[in-house]
Amino acid sequence: MSDRLVKGEDGVVRCFWGSSPPEYQAYHDAEWGFPVDDDRRLFEKLVLEGFQSGLSWLTILRKRENFRQAFAGFDFEQVARFGEKDVERLLQDAGIVRHRGKIEAAINNAQRAVELVDEEGSLAAFVWRFEPDAKSRPKRFTWDVLMEMAQTPESKALAKELKRRGWRFVGPTTVYAFMQAMGLVNDHLHGCDAREAAELARADFDPPA
């Protein structure tokens, strides 16, 4: 077995990063790479990727429920109405990452999300336009391939369009991590049990129009 794949005590073969701790196992097996069309979940992931900047994803994952409580379940219509009192409240919340710039960016991005839905119908319909053509993807996904794909033409295009619309903390690397997590791409390594499951989920998924 590749040194980038790990077979757990439960018999499941995983990408090495998803083998432990337990929070990563659950995230790897049931979320990462599986297609999502729920606007709140898409917004949540974009916001949390921004908060992750300079930190590990495990740190954010362990605080995710606190973030959900602090940001109204990532209902962006509610978050868009947050004001300075909310910013100060969030800066005092030890359960999240207390960074003024990132908090203000999350509120700004909620306002931009409301605008985007008004213009495009849904956040999901907008982001899924940037799904790469399957023919442009590597035929065999290995660790070496993954390390060369911190950003892609599609993530650059999506990041550029979000920035044009006034979003913050949405660089092409951050956006590619978002695309990996939300199933716009399937970057589970070949040989990982979740790769096939994610492929089957994508085959049954109808991207929103």
Foldseek 3Di string as FASTA:
>chain_A
DDPQWDQAPVRFIFGNQQRDDPLSVCLRQPFFQAADQDQQVLLLLLLLLLQCVVHDVVLSSVLVVVVCVLQVNSPLVVLLPDDPVSLVVQLPDPSGDNDSVSSVLSNQVSVLQVVCCVVPVGPQLVLLVLQDDPVVDDPFQDPVNVVVPLFDPSLQVVLVVSVVSPHPSRHRSSSVSSCRRNNSDPRTGPVGPSSVVNVVSVVVDDRDD
